[in-house]
Amino acid sequence: MSDKLSEEEKYERKLKREERQREKDLTDRLDKRGYEILRILRDAPNHPEVKYNSKYFEEYFQTSNITILRAVKKLKDMDLLEEKQVNGSYVIKKDVEQFYSEETQKNIALVASMRGLLLRYKDTPLYDSVTELIHFLEPKVAKEDAVFSSGRIIVPPQMEYDINVKNWDRVYEAIQKNHKIKFRYIKSYTNNDVIRIARPYQLILDNGSVYLFAYSEYADLVLLYDLNFMTDIVVTNEEFQLPKNYDFNNYCAGGRLGTFKCDNIRTFKIRFTGYAKDWIKYHKWANDQKIEKETDDFTTVSFTSAQEEKVFEEVLKWGSQAEPLAPKSLVKHWKQEITALYEKIK
């Protein structure tokens, strides 16, 4: 009887090996603690006076030493840490070439570019969560941050977010559960003594601020709340039914100018000159925007929106290159603002 394996037996063994490898790949995922250890160790060379050993991480995570040793062993088994400490500290393994499939290399390049776009939200919990998720899905990327920072599609430096993280966590918890919240709203024009009860629909990131879009039982309508001006937030046990049309975009009447809405849908007409007359042809302030008239000297566009305050802000940004023609309320507001500015320089 021949000891040689038949082609069918070889194929079956190959399938079993591949299945074992798939199971190993699913097991070897980078958990949140492992990600945090790697993040700290990447910065370790900047602090040579610190010993990043099991004792350090035991105190950092406020957990047992055996738990840290298990986490470190897993990182070593995943070929992410050196087997031996260097000068009393764990060290990320860098002398082993990282092998990526062609498909994985494409994915890393794509994700790195997407991370570049996400830099706009770097100082928000959203950015941290996405970064952790990517490291969880592709652990080897976490070894060397340069791999992950090589995005070729980026955004320029943006206005920095200053978020009350505790408020974010509580509101986000309520959003996930569809539970009502109670809080005080402490903006200067509001009654700080009133307890608001709201049904949180969405967190909206816009222009350096985070807003909660919610149905206010106090005001009996949907409102935008600046997250940083909410205080004494309590997530109640009272659940609510999320309506089908809860999305903030449904309240903008086709406007595309960020977090502002009102109940009145208006038709806008703006005349642009100079550089702005060509710029506006390639940028939409609303879904139904169209060119009303175009000459060598100007471009006039019209559109509908429920975001008059945002339209007003955008018109002012263009200075003398943008002139509102309609509605009358916008024209009046624009003239008042220009007059007030002129008074300041007299």
C-alpha atoms as a PDB file:
ATOM      1  CA  MET A   1       0.000   0.000   0.000  1.00  0.00           C
ATOM      2  CA  SER A   2       1.452   3.365  -0.993  1.00  0.00           C
ATOM      3  CA  ASP A   3       2.284   5.946   1.684  1.00  0.00           C
ATOM      4  CA  LYS A   4       1.744   8.739  -0.798  1.00  0.00           C
ATOM      5  CA  LEU A   5      -1.299  10.938  -0.274  1.00  0.00           C
ATOM      6  CA  SER A   6      -3.859  11.120  -3.014  1.00  0.00           C
ATOM      7  CA  GLU A   7      -4.704  14.472  -4.543  1.00  0.00           C
ATOM      8  CA  GLU A   8      -8.050  14.381  -2.744  1.00  0.00           C
ATOM      9  CA  GLU A   9      -6.358  13.775   0.633  1.00  0.00           C
ATOM     10  CA  LYS A  10      -3.899  16.613  -0.005  1.00  0.00           C
ATOM     11  CA  TYR A  11      -6.785  18.911  -0.841  1.00  0.00           C
ATOM     12  CA  GLU A  12      -8.659  17.927   2.333  1.00  0.00           C
ATOM     13  CA  ARG A  13      -5.569  18.598   4.470  1.00  0.00           C
ATOM     14  CA  LYS A  14      -5.110  21.939   2.757  1.00  0.00           C
ATOM     15  CA  LEU A  15      -8.711  22.873   3.609  1.00  0.00           C
ATOM     16  CA  LYS A  16      -8.177  21.890   7.260  1.00  0.00           C
ATOM     17  CA  ARG A  17      -5.006  23.987   7.471  1.00  0.00           C
ATOM     18  CA  GLU A  18      -6.815  26.970   6.007  1.00  0.00           C
ATOM     19  CA  GLU A  19      -9.698  26.480   8.436  1.00  0.00           C
ATOM     20  CA  ARG A  20      -7.286  26.371  11.406  1.00  0.00           C
ATOM     21  CA  GLN A  21      -5.634  29.544  10.127  1.00  0.00           C
ATOM     22  CA  ARG A  22      -9.011  31.284   9.819  1.00  0.00           C
ATOM     23  CA  GLU A  23      -9.851  30.300  13.382  1.00  0.00           C
ATOM     24  CA  LYS A  24      -6.474  31.614  14.551  1.00  0.00           C
ATOM     25  CA  ASP A  25      -7.015  34.874  12.660  1.00  0.00           C
ATOM     26  CA  LEU A  26     -10.391  35.340  14.325  1.00  0.00           C
ATOM     27  CA  THR A  27      -8.869  34.631  17.737  1.00  0.00           C
ATOM     28  CA  ASP A  28      -5.864  36.916  17.290  1.00  0.00           C
ATOM     29  CA  ARG A  29      -7.743  40.187  17.509  1.00  0.00           C
ATOM     30  CA  LEU A  30      -6.363  43.237  19.220  1.00  0.00           C
ATOM     31  CA  ASP A  31      -8.598  44.093  22.150  1.00  0.00           C
ATOM     32  CA  LYS A  32      -8.982  47.567  23.640  1.00  0.00           C
ATOM     33  CA  ARG A  33      -6.383  46.990  26.387  1.00  0.00           C
ATOM     34  CA  GLY A  34      -3.861  45.673  23.870  1.00  0.00           C
ATOM     35  CA  TYR A  35      -4.459  48.685  21.651  1.00  0.00           C
ATOM     36  CA  GLU A  36      -3.902  51.025  24.610  1.00  0.00           C
ATOM     37  CA  ILE A  37      -0.642  49.252  25.569  1.00  0.00           C
ATOM     38  CA  LEU A  38       0.668  49.653  22.023  1.00  0.00           C
ATOM     39  CA  ARG A  39      -0.384  53.306  21.938  1.00  0.00           C
ATOM     40  CA  ILE A  40       1.572  53.979  25.139  1.00  0.00           C
ATOM     41  CA  LEU A  41       4.627  52.029  24.002  1.00  0.00           C
ATOM     42  CA  ARG A  42       4.777  53.947  20.710  1.00  0.00           C
ATOM     43  CA  ASP A  43       5.324  57.082  22.765  1.00  0.00           C
ATOM     44  CA  ALA A  44       7.722  55.380  25.224  1.00  0.00           C
ATOM     45  CA  PRO A  45      10.981  56.561  23.545  1.00  0.00           C
ATOM     46  CA  ASN A  46       9.999  60.124  24.509  1.00  0.00           C
ATOM     47  CA  HIS A  47      10.039  59.121  28.201  1.00  0.00           C
ATOM     48  CA  PRO A  48      13.184  57.014  28.783  1.00  0.00           C
ATOM     49  CA  GLU A  49      12.946  57.651  32.539  1.00  0.00           C
ATOM     50  CA  VAL A  50       9.745  55.570  32.762  1.00  0.00           C
ATOM     51  CA  LYS A  51       9.809  51.766  33.048  1.00  0.00           C
ATOM     52  CA  TYR A  52       6.916  50.487  30.979  1.00  0.00           C
ATOM     53  CA  ASN A  53       6.725  47.064  32.619  1.00  0.00           C
ATOM     54  CA  SER A  54       3.878  44.971  34.029  1.00  0.00           C
ATOM     55  CA  LYS A  55       3.917  47.004  37.252  1.00  0.00           C
ATOM     56  CA  TYR A  56       3.410  50.239  35.275  1.00  0.00           C
ATOM     57  CA  PHE A  57       0.447  48.851  33.318  1.00  0.00           C
ATOM     58  CA  GLU A  58      -0.999  47.237  36.436  1.00  0.00           C
ATOM     59  CA  GLU A  59      -1.247  50.698  38.012  1.00  0.00           C
ATOM     60  CA  TYR A  60      -2.323  52.358  34.749  1.00  0.00           C
ATOM     61  CA  PHE A  61      -5.258  49.994  34.176  1.00  0.00           C
ATOM     62  CA  GLN A  62      -5.965  49.495  37.899  1.00  0.00           C
ATOM     63  CA  THR A  63      -6.017  45.731  37.457  1.00  0.00           C
ATOM     64  CA  SER A  64      -4.096  42.649  38.600  1.00  0.00           C
ATOM     65  CA  ASN A  65      -0.578  41.833  37.489  1.00  0.00           C
ATOM     66  CA  ILE A  66      -1.671  38.470  36.083  1.00  0.00           C
ATOM     67  CA  THR A  67      -4.198  40.257  33.836  1.00  0.00           C
ATOM     68  CA  ILE A  68      -1.422  42.454  32.435  1.00  0.00           C
ATOM     69  CA  LEU A  69       0.857  39.463  31.901  1.00  0.00           C
ATOM     70  CA  ARG A  70      -1.891  37.726  29.931  1.00  0.00           C
ATOM     71  CA  ALA A  71      -2.378  40.826  27.763  1.00  0.00           C
ATOM     72  CA  VAL A  72       1.374  41.099  27.166  1.00  0.00           C
ATOM     73  CA  LYS A  73       1.608  37.398  26.261  1.00  0.00           C
ATOM     74  CA  LYS A  74      -1.145  37.838  23.703  1.00  0.00           C
ATOM     75  CA  LEU A  75       0.691  40.781  22.148  1.00  0.00           C
ATOM     76  CA  LYS A  76       3.869  38.695  21.974  1.00  0.00           C
ATOM     77  CA  ASP A  77       1.984  35.755  20.445  1.00  0.00           C
ATOM     78  CA  MET A  78       0.660  38.177  17.818  1.00  0.00           C
ATOM     79  CA  ASP A  79       4.259  39.164  17.020  1.00  0.00           C
ATOM     80  CA  LEU A  80       3.660  42.726  18.205  1.00  0.00           C
ATOM     81  CA  LEU A  81       6.075  42.888  21.175  1.00  0.00           C
ATOM     82  CA  GLU A  82       9.672  41.811  21.678  1.00  0.00           C
ATOM     83  CA  GLU A  83      10.036  38.655  23.794  1.00  0.00           C
ATOM     84  CA  LYS A  84      12.441  40.351  26.222  1.00  0.00           C
ATOM     85  CA  GLN A  85      12.212  43.766  27.824  1.00  0.00           C
ATOM     86  CA  VAL A  86      14.706  46.482  26.887  1.00  0.00           C
ATOM     87  CA  ASN A  87      16.022  48.534  29.802  1.00  0.00           C
ATOM     88  CA  GLY A  88      13.158  47.265  31.940  1.00  0.00           C
ATOM     89  CA  SER A  89      10.385  48.171  29.482  1.00  0.00           C
ATOM     90  CA  TYR A  90       8.258  46.295  26.996  1.00  0.00           C
ATOM     91  CA  VAL A  91       9.134  47.259  23.422  1.00  0.00           C
ATOM     92  CA  ILE A  92       7.152  47.098  20.209  1.00  0.00           C
ATOM     93  CA  LYS A  93       8.661  44.635  17.773  1.00  0.00           C
ATOM     94  CA  LYS A  94      10.018  46.417  14.733  1.00  0.00           C
ATOM     95  CA  ASP A  95      12.677  44.085  13.273  1.00  0.00           C
ATOM     96  CA  VAL A  96      10.209  41.617  11.778  1.00  0.00           C
ATOM     97  CA  GLU A  97       8.883  42.487   8.358  1.00  0.00           C
ATOM     98  CA  GLN A  98       5.126  42.860   8.241  1.00  0.00           C
ATOM     99  CA  PHE A  99       3.640  40.791   5.456  1.00  0.00           C
ATOM    100  CA  TYR A 100       0.386  42.065   3.986  1.00  0.00           C
ATOM    101  CA  SER A 101      -1.580  40.600   1.150  1.00  0.00           C
ATOM    102  CA  GLU A 102      -2.127  42.830  -1.874  1.00  0.00           C
ATOM    103  CA  GLU A 103      -5.754  43.272  -0.830  1.00  0.00           C
ATOM    104  CA  THR A 104      -4.753  44.227   2.738  1.00  0.00           C
ATOM    105  CA  GLN A 105      -2.238  46.759   1.424  1.00  0.00           C
ATOM    106  CA  LYS A 106      -5.012  48.402  -0.608  1.00  0.00           C
ATOM    107  CA  ASN A 107      -7.271  48.439   2.438  1.00  0.00           C
ATOM    108  CA  ILE A 108      -4.581  50.001   4.648  1.00  0.00           C
ATOM    109  CA  ALA A 109      -3.971  52.725   2.066  1.00  0.00           C
ATOM    110  CA  LEU A 110      -7.698  53.401   1.875  1.00  0.00           C
ATOM    111  CA  VAL A 111      -8.141  53.438   5.638  1.00  0.00           C
ATOM    112  CA  ALA A 112      -5.118  55.704   6.094  1.00  0.00           C
ATOM    113  CA  SER A 113      -6.646  58.181   3.663  1.00  0.00           C
ATOM    114  CA  MET A 114     -10.021  57.965   5.377  1.00  0.00           C
ATOM    115  CA  ARG A 115      -8.266  58.615   8.679  1.00  0.00           C
ATOM    116  CA  GLY A 116      -6.852  61.747   7.079  1.00  0.00           C
ATOM    117  CA  LEU A 117     -10.396  62.905   6.420  1.00  0.00           C
ATOM    118  CA  LEU A 118     -11.362  61.993   9.981  1.00  0.00           C
ATOM    119  CA  LEU A 119      -8.611  64.268  11.336  1.00  0.00           C
ATOM    120  CA  ARG A 120     -11.260  66.978  11.227  1.00  0.00           C
ATOM    121  CA  TYR A 121     -12.770  65.224  14.238  1.00  0.00           C
ATOM    122  CA  LYS A 122      -9.506  64.275  15.964  1.00  0.00           C
ATOM    123  CA  ASP A 123     -10.443  65.726  19.349  1.00  0.00           C
ATOM    124  CA  THR A 124     -13.758  63.902  19.534  1.00  0.00           C
ATOM    125  CA  PRO A 125     -14.645  60.469  20.990  1.00  0.00           C
ATOM    126  CA  LEU A 126     -15.756  59.499  17.481  1.00  0.00           C
ATOM    127  CA  TYR A 127     -12.176  59.674  16.165  1.00  0.00           C
ATOM    128  CA  ASP A 128     -10.823  57.574  19.043  1.00  0.00           C
ATOM    129  CA  SER A 129     -13.504  54.925  18.519  1.00  0.00           C
ATOM    130  CA  VAL A 130     -12.793  54.645  14.775  1.00  0.00           C
ATOM    131  CA  THR A 131      -9.045  54.419  15.384  1.00  0.00           C
ATOM    132  CA  GLU A 132      -9.530  51.647  17.962  1.00  0.00           C
ATOM    133  CA  LEU A 133     -11.822  49.765  15.586  1.00  0.00           C
ATOM    134  CA  ILE A 134      -9.268  49.877  12.756  1.00  0.00           C
ATOM    135  CA  HIS A 135      -6.480  48.644  15.041  1.00  0.00           C
ATOM    136  CA  PHE A 136      -8.800  45.901  16.240  1.00  0.00           C
ATOM    137  CA  LEU A 137      -9.472  44.752  12.682  1.00  0.00           C
ATOM    138  CA  GLU A 138      -5.835  45.006  11.542  1.00  0.00           C
ATOM    139  CA  PRO A 139      -3.568  44.593  14.620  1.00  0.00           C
ATOM    140  CA  LYS A 140      -0.250  44.891  12.780  1.00  0.00           C
ATOM    141  CA  VAL A 141      -1.083  48.459  11.779  1.00  0.00           C
ATOM    142  CA  ALA A 142      -0.923  49.375  15.475  1.00  0.00           C
ATOM    143  CA  LYS A 143       2.761  48.394  15.651  1.00  0.00           C
ATOM    144  CA  GLU A 144       3.904  51.373  13.643  1.00  0.00           C
ATOM    145  CA  ASP A 145       1.787  54.480  13.554  1.00  0.00           C
ATOM    146  CA  ALA A 146       3.611  55.704  10.447  1.00  0.00           C
ATOM    147  CA  VAL A 147       1.866  53.006   8.413  1.00  0.00           C
ATOM    148  CA  PHE A 148      -1.472  54.346   9.537  1.00  0.00           C
ATOM    149  CA  SER A 149      -0.533  58.003   9.150  1.00  0.00           C
ATOM    150  CA  SER A 150       0.420  57.741   5.487  1.00  0.00           C
ATOM    151  CA  GLY A 151      -2.905  58.954   4.112  1.00  0.00           C
ATOM    152  CA  ARG A 152      -2.607  60.898   0.882  1.00  0.00           C
ATOM    153  CA  ILE A 153      -6.139  62.299   1.148  1.00  0.00           C
ATOM    154  CA  ILE A 154      -6.387  64.773   3.996  1.00  0.00           C
ATOM    155  CA  VAL A 155      -8.124  67.892   5.211  1.00  0.00           C
ATOM    156  CA  PRO A 156      -6.202  71.014   6.271  1.00  0.00           C
ATOM    157  CA  PRO A 157      -6.080  71.977   9.959  1.00  0.00           C
ATOM    158  CA  GLN A 158      -9.601  72.587  11.216  1.00  0.00           C
ATOM    159  CA  MET A 159     -11.189  74.428  14.112  1.00  0.00           C
ATOM    160  CA  GLU A 160     -10.434  72.443  17.270  1.00  0.00           C
ATOM    161  CA  TYR A 161     -13.232  70.719  19.153  1.00  0.00           C
ATOM    162  CA  ASP A 162     -13.470  71.215  22.907  1.00  0.00           C
ATOM    163  CA  ILE A 163     -15.981  68.592  23.961  1.00  0.00           C
ATOM    164  CA  ASN A 164     -17.359  67.787  27.388  1.00  0.00           C
ATOM    165  CA  VAL A 165     -16.633  64.060  27.116  1.00  0.00           C
ATOM    166  CA  LYS A 166     -18.818  63.205  30.110  1.00  0.00           C
ATOM    167  CA  ASN A 167     -21.776  64.863  28.357  1.00  0.00           C
ATOM    168  CA  TRP A 168     -20.947  62.983  25.142  1.00  0.00           C
ATOM    169  CA  ASP A 169     -20.860  59.622  26.958  1.00  0.00           C
ATOM    170  CA  ARG A 170     -24.165  60.165  28.746  1.00  0.00           C
ATOM    171  CA  VAL A 171     -26.016  61.436  25.688  1.00  0.00           C
ATOM    172  CA  TYR A 172     -24.562  58.697  23.501  1.00  0.00           C
ATOM    173  CA  GLU A 173     -25.682  56.095  26.041  1.00  0.00           C
ATOM    174  CA  ALA A 174     -29.218  57.493  25.852  1.00  0.00           C
ATOM    175  CA  ILE A 175     -29.115  57.483  22.034  1.00  0.00           C
ATOM    176  CA  GLN A 176     -28.085  53.830  21.966  1.00  0.00           C
ATOM    177  CA  LYS A 177     -30.889  52.878  24.344  1.00  0.00           C
ATOM    178  CA  ASN A 178     -33.530  55.288  22.958  1.00  0.00           C
ATOM    179  CA  HIS A 179     -34.031  56.592  26.496  1.00  0.00           C
ATOM    180  CA  LYS A 180     -35.142  60.085  27.441  1.00  0.00           C
ATOM    181  CA  ILE A 181     -32.727  62.433  29.205  1.00  0.00           C
ATOM    182  CA  LYS A 182     -33.166  65.179  31.771  1.00  0.00           C
ATOM    183  CA  PHE A 183     -30.785  68.151  31.916  1.00  0.00           C
ATOM    184  CA  ARG A 184     -30.374  71.890  32.405  1.00  0.00           C
ATOM    185  CA  TYR A 185     -29.440  74.139  29.498  1.00  0.00           C
ATOM    186  CA  ILE A 186     -27.159  76.960  30.613  1.00  0.00           C
ATOM    187  CA  LYS A 187     -26.848  79.228  27.585  1.00  0.00           C
ATOM    188  CA  SER A 188     -27.204  82.898  28.512  1.00  0.00           C
ATOM    189  CA  TYR A 189     -30.581  83.399  26.806  1.00  0.00           C
ATOM    190  CA  THR A 190     -32.244  80.368  28.427  1.00  0.00           C
ATOM    191  CA  ASN A 191     -33.949  79.741  31.761  1.00  0.00           C
ATOM    192  CA  ASN A 192     -31.260  77.818  33.641  1.00  0.00           C
ATOM    193  CA  ASP A 193     -33.666  76.784  36.396  1.00  0.00           C
ATOM    194  CA  VAL A 194     -35.881  74.712  34.096  1.00  0.00           C
ATOM    195  CA  ILE A 195     -35.273  70.976  33.833  1.00  0.00           C
ATOM    196  CA  ARG A 196     -35.488  69.901  30.204  1.00  0.00           C
ATOM    197  CA  ILE A 197     -36.766  66.473  29.196  1.00  0.00           C
ATOM    198  CA  ALA A 198     -35.743  65.456  25.682  1.00  0.00           C
ATOM    199  CA  ARG A 199     -35.728  62.486  23.346  1.00  0.00           C
ATOM    200  CA  PRO A 200     -32.199  62.408  21.886  1.00  0.00           C
ATOM    201  CA  TYR A 201     -32.131  61.690  18.156  1.00  0.00           C
ATOM    202  CA  GLN A 202     -28.611  62.459  16.899  1.00  0.00           C
ATOM    203  CA  LEU A 203     -25.222  63.926  17.817  1.00  0.00           C
ATOM    204  CA  ILE A 204     -24.109  66.349  15.095  1.00  0.00           C
ATOM    205  CA  LEU A 205     -20.502  67.508  14.602  1.00  0.00           C
ATOM    206  CA  ASP A 206     -20.207  70.835  12.826  1.00  0.00           C
ATOM    207  CA  ASN A 207     -17.652  73.643  12.666  1.00  0.00           C
ATOM    208  CA  GLY A 208     -15.870  72.840  15.929  1.00  0.00           C
ATOM    209  CA  SER A 209     -19.023  72.220  17.979  1.00  0.00           C
ATOM    210  CA  VAL A 210     -21.133  69.186  18.864  1.00  0.00           C
ATOM    211  CA  TYR A 211     -24.899  69.518  18.924  1.00  0.00           C
ATOM    212  CA  LEU A 212     -27.633  67.255  20.191  1.00  0.00           C
ATOM    213  CA  PHE A 213     -30.621  67.103  17.874  1.00  0.00           C
ATOM    214  CA  ALA A 214     -33.598  66.090  20.008  1.00  0.00           C
ATOM    215  CA  TYR A 215     -37.318  66.403  20.532  1.00  0.00           C
ATOM    216  CA  SER A 216     -37.852  68.694  23.507  1.00  0.00           C
ATOM    217  CA  GLU A 217     -40.846  67.841  25.656  1.00  0.00           C
ATOM    218  CA  TYR A 218     -40.298  71.195  27.380  1.00  0.00           C
ATOM    219  CA  ALA A 219     -40.668  73.163  24.107  1.00  0.00           C
ATOM    220  CA  ASP A 220     -42.801  70.586  22.258  1.00  0.00           C
ATOM    221  CA  LEU A 221     -40.653  70.653  19.119  1.00  0.00           C
ATOM    222  CA  VAL A 222     -37.326  69.400  17.775  1.00  0.00           C
ATOM    223  CA  LEU A 223     -34.323  71.541  18.782  1.00  0.00           C
ATOM    224  CA  LEU A 224     -30.556  71.720  18.577  1.00  0.00           C
ATOM    225  CA  TYR A 225     -28.649  71.861  21.876  1.00  0.00           C
ATOM    226  CA  ASP A 226     -24.953  72.726  22.139  1.00  0.00           C
ATOM    227  CA  LEU A 227     -23.511  69.739  24.025  1.00  0.00           C
ATOM    228  CA  ASN A 228     -21.119  71.892  26.063  1.00  0.00           C
ATOM    229  CA  PHE A 229     -23.988  73.968  27.489  1.00  0.00           C
ATOM    230  CA  MET A 230     -25.883  70.971  28.836  1.00  0.00           C
ATOM    231  CA  THR A 231     -25.392  70.137  32.511  1.00  0.00           C
ATOM    232  CA  ASP A 232     -26.746  67.761  35.171  1.00  0.00           C
ATOM    233  CA  ILE A 233     -27.556  65.211  32.464  1.00  0.00           C
ATOM    234  CA  VAL A 234     -29.477  62.158  33.666  1.00  0.00           C
ATOM    235  CA  VAL A 235     -30.299  59.186  31.446  1.00  0.00           C
ATOM    236  CA  THR A 236     -33.777  58.109  32.530  1.00  0.00           C
ATOM    237  CA  ASN A 237     -35.276  54.621  32.409  1.00  0.00           C
ATOM    238  CA  GLU A 238     -38.085  55.888  30.170  1.00  0.00           C
ATOM    239  CA  GLU A 239     -37.794  54.575  26.634  1.00  0.00           C
ATOM    240  CA  PHE A 240     -39.148  56.394  23.563  1.00  0.00           C
ATOM    241  CA  GLN A 241     -40.030  55.316  20.030  1.00  0.00           C
ATOM    242  CA  LEU A 242     -37.648  56.763  17.453  1.00  0.00           C
ATOM    243  CA  PRO A 243     -39.740  58.326  14.644  1.00  0.00           C
ATOM    244  CA  LYS A 244     -39.058  57.359  11.041  1.00  0.00           C
ATOM    245  CA  ASN A 245     -38.192  60.915   9.993  1.00  0.00           C
ATOM    246  CA  TYR A 246     -35.896  61.681  12.946  1.00  0.00           C
ATOM    247  CA  ASP A 247     -32.831  62.511  10.790  1.00  0.00           C
ATOM    248  CA  PHE A 248     -31.759  66.172  11.004  1.00  0.00           C
ATOM    249  CA  ASN A 249     -31.381  66.259   7.218  1.00  0.00           C
ATOM    250  CA  ASN A 250     -35.158  65.942   6.915  1.00  0.00           C
ATOM    251  CA  TYR A 251     -35.550  69.328   8.625  1.00  0.00           C
ATOM    252  CA  CYS A 252     -33.229  71.371   6.409  1.00  0.00           C
ATOM    253  CA  ALA A 253     -35.557  71.535   3.379  1.00  0.00           C
ATOM    254  CA  GLY A 254     -32.672  70.639   1.091  1.00  0.00           C
ATOM    255  CA  GLY A 255     -30.217  73.106   2.649  1.00  0.00           C
ATOM    256  CA  ARG A 256     -26.621  71.890   2.905  1.00  0.00           C
ATOM    257  CA  LEU A 257     -25.121  74.459   5.274  1.00  0.00           C
ATOM    258  CA  GLY A 258     -24.682  72.644   8.581  1.00  0.00           C
ATOM    259  CA  THR A 259     -26.498  72.674  11.883  1.00  0.00           C
ATOM    260  CA  PHE A 260     -29.212  75.264  11.652  1.00  0.00           C
ATOM    261  CA  LYS A 261     -32.892  74.885  10.908  1.00  0.00           C
ATOM    262  CA  CYS A 262     -36.067  76.893  11.193  1.00  0.00           C
ATOM    263  CA  ASP A 263     -39.696  76.172  10.411  1.00  0.00           C
ATOM    264  CA  ASN A 264     -39.872  78.505   7.385  1.00  0.00           C
ATOM    265  CA  ILE A 265     -38.713  77.288   3.976  1.00  0.00           C
ATOM    266  CA  ARG A 266     -37.600  80.251   1.907  1.00  0.00           C
ATOM    267  CA  THR A 267     -36.467  80.814  -1.666  1.00  0.00           C
ATOM    268  CA  PHE A 268     -33.030  82.439  -1.837  1.00  0.00           C
ATOM    269  CA  LYS A 269     -31.427  84.349  -4.679  1.00  0.00           C
ATOM    270  CA  ILE A 270     -27.764  85.408  -4.448  1.00  0.00           C
ATOM    271  CA  ARG A 271     -25.621  87.290  -6.981  1.00  0.00           C
ATOM    272  CA  PHE A 272     -21.899  86.462  -6.996  1.00  0.00           C
ATOM    273  CA  THR A 273     -19.097  88.457  -8.613  1.00  0.00           C
ATOM    274  CA  GLY A 274     -15.294  88.193  -8.788  1.00  0.00           C
ATOM    275  CA  TYR A 275     -13.806  84.802  -7.970  1.00  0.00           C
ATOM    276  CA  ALA A 276     -17.054  83.774  -6.215  1.00  0.00           C
ATOM    277  CA  LYS A 277     -19.045  83.812  -9.495  1.00  0.00           C
ATOM    278  CA  ASP A 278     -17.045  80.814 -10.752  1.00  0.00           C
ATOM    279  CA  TRP A 279     -16.680  79.126  -7.353  1.00  0.00           C
ATOM    280  CA  ILE A 280     -20.439  78.906  -6.764  1.00  0.00           C
ATOM    281  CA  LYS A 281     -20.960  76.997 -10.025  1.00  0.00           C
ATOM    282  CA  TYR A 282     -19.149  74.006  -8.498  1.00  0.00           C
ATOM    283  CA  HIS A 283     -20.519  74.181  -4.943  1.00  0.00           C
ATOM    284  CA  LYS A 284     -24.075  73.502  -3.777  1.00  0.00           C
ATOM    285  CA  TRP A 285     -25.627  75.351  -0.863  1.00  0.00           C
ATOM    286  CA  ALA A 286     -28.868  73.396  -1.362  1.00  0.00           C
ATOM    287  CA  ASN A 287     -30.094  70.354  -3.254  1.00  0.00           C
ATOM    288  CA  ASP A 288     -32.210  72.343  -5.725  1.00  0.00           C
ATOM    289  CA  GLN A 289     -29.665  75.088  -6.410  1.00  0.00           C
ATOM    290  CA  LYS A 290     -29.688  76.345  -9.990  1.00  0.00           C
ATOM    291  CA  ILE A 291     -28.113  79.143 -12.009  1.00  0.00           C
ATOM    292  CA  GLU A 292     -30.675  81.858 -12.710  1.00  0.00           C
ATOM    293  CA  LYS A 293     -28.412  84.061 -14.825  1.00  0.00           C
ATOM    294  CA  GLU A 294     -24.763  84.074 -15.834  1.00  0.00           C
ATOM    295  CA  THR A 295     -22.717  86.809 -17.521  1.00  0.00           C
ATOM    296  CA  ASP A 296     -19.064  87.739 -17.752  1.00  0.00           C
ATOM    297  CA  ASP A 297     -19.516  89.856 -14.609  1.00  0.00           C
ATOM    298  CA  PHE A 298     -21.715  87.800 -12.308  1.00  0.00           C
ATOM    299  CA  THR A 299     -23.507  84.520 -11.578  1.00  0.00           C
ATOM    300  CA  THR A 300     -26.923  84.520  -9.899  1.00  0.00           C
ATOM    301  CA  VAL A 301     -28.133  81.336  -8.208  1.00  0.00           C
ATOM    302  CA  SER A 302     -31.435  80.445  -6.547  1.00  0.00           C
ATOM    303  CA  PHE A 303     -32.415  77.648  -4.144  1.00  0.00           C
ATOM    304  CA  THR A 304     -34.740  76.811  -1.258  1.00  0.00           C
ATOM    305  CA  SER A 305     -33.680  76.135   2.306  1.00  0.00           C
ATOM    306  CA  ALA A 306     -34.780  76.334   5.932  1.00  0.00           C
ATOM    307  CA  GLN A 307     -31.311  77.530   6.999  1.00  0.00           C
ATOM    308  CA  GLU A 308     -31.528  81.301   6.571  1.00  0.00           C
ATOM    309  CA  GLU A 309     -29.050  82.093   9.348  1.00  0.00           C
ATOM    310  CA  LYS A 310     -26.440  79.853   7.732  1.00  0.00           C
ATOM    311  CA  VAL A 311     -27.076  81.383   4.304  1.00  0.00           C
ATOM    312  CA  PHE A 312     -26.555  84.812   5.893  1.00  0.00           C
ATOM    313  CA  GLU A 313     -23.207  83.673   7.381  1.00  0.00           C
ATOM    314  CA  GLU A 314     -22.018  82.244   4.053  1.00  0.00           C
ATOM    315  CA  VAL A 315     -22.964  85.431   2.180  1.00  0.00           C
ATOM    316  CA  LEU A 316     -20.976  87.543   4.657  1.00  0.00           C
ATOM    317  CA  LYS A 317     -17.900  85.313   4.180  1.00  0.00           C
ATOM    318  CA  TRP A 318     -17.705  86.423   0.545  1.00  0.00           C
ATOM    319  CA  GLY A 319     -17.771  90.124   1.440  1.00  0.00           C
ATOM    320  CA  SER A 320     -18.481  92.339  -1.563  1.00  0.00           C
ATOM    321  CA  GLN A 321     -18.483  89.313  -3.905  1.00  0.00           C
ATOM    322  CA  ALA A 322     -21.910  88.098  -2.685  1.00  0.00           C
ATOM    323  CA  GLU A 323     -25.129  90.132  -2.734  1.00  0.00           C
ATOM    324  CA  PRO A 324     -28.449  88.675  -1.523  1.00  0.00           C
ATOM    325  CA  LEU A 325     -31.437  89.522  -3.734  1.00  0.00           C
ATOM    326  CA  ALA A 326     -34.130  87.471  -1.966  1.00  0.00           C
ATOM    327  CA  PRO A 327     -35.890  86.901   0.363  1.00  0.00           C
ATOM    328  CA  LYS A 328     -36.534  90.364   1.804  1.00  0.00           C
ATOM    329  CA  SER A 329     -35.683  89.197   5.342  1.00  0.00           C
ATOM    330  CA  LEU A 330     -32.173  88.153   4.268  1.00  0.00           C
ATOM    331  CA  VAL A 331     -31.581  91.369   2.314  1.00  0.00           C
ATOM    332  CA  LYS A 332     -32.684  93.438   5.329  1.00  0.00           C
ATOM    333  CA  HIS A 333     -30.457  91.461   7.738  1.00  0.00           C
ATOM    334  CA  TRP A 334     -27.486  91.790   5.354  1.00  0.00           C
ATOM    335  CA  LYS A 335     -27.900  95.572   5.013  1.00  0.00           C
ATOM    336  CA  GLN A 336     -28.217  95.994   8.788  1.00  0.00           C
ATOM    337  CA  GLU A 337     -25.018  94.057   9.349  1.00  0.00           C
ATOM    338  CA  ILE A 338     -23.080  96.027   6.740  1.00  0.00           C
ATOM    339  CA  THR A 339     -24.329  99.293   8.241  1.00  0.00           C
ATOM    340  CA  ALA A 340     -23.274  98.178  11.722  1.00  0.00           C
ATOM    341  CA  LEU A 341     -19.811  97.250  10.418  1.00  0.00           C
ATOM    342  CA  TYR A 342     -19.477 100.624   8.719  1.00  0.00           C
ATOM    343  CA  GLU A 343     -20.382 102.409  11.952  1.00  0.00           C
ATOM    344  CA  LYS A 344     -17.441 100.691  13.664  1.00  0.00           C
ATOM    345  CA  ILE A 345     -14.897 102.228  11.289  1.00  0.00           C
ATOM    346  CA  LYS A 346     -16.295 105.777  11.232  1.00  0.00           C
END
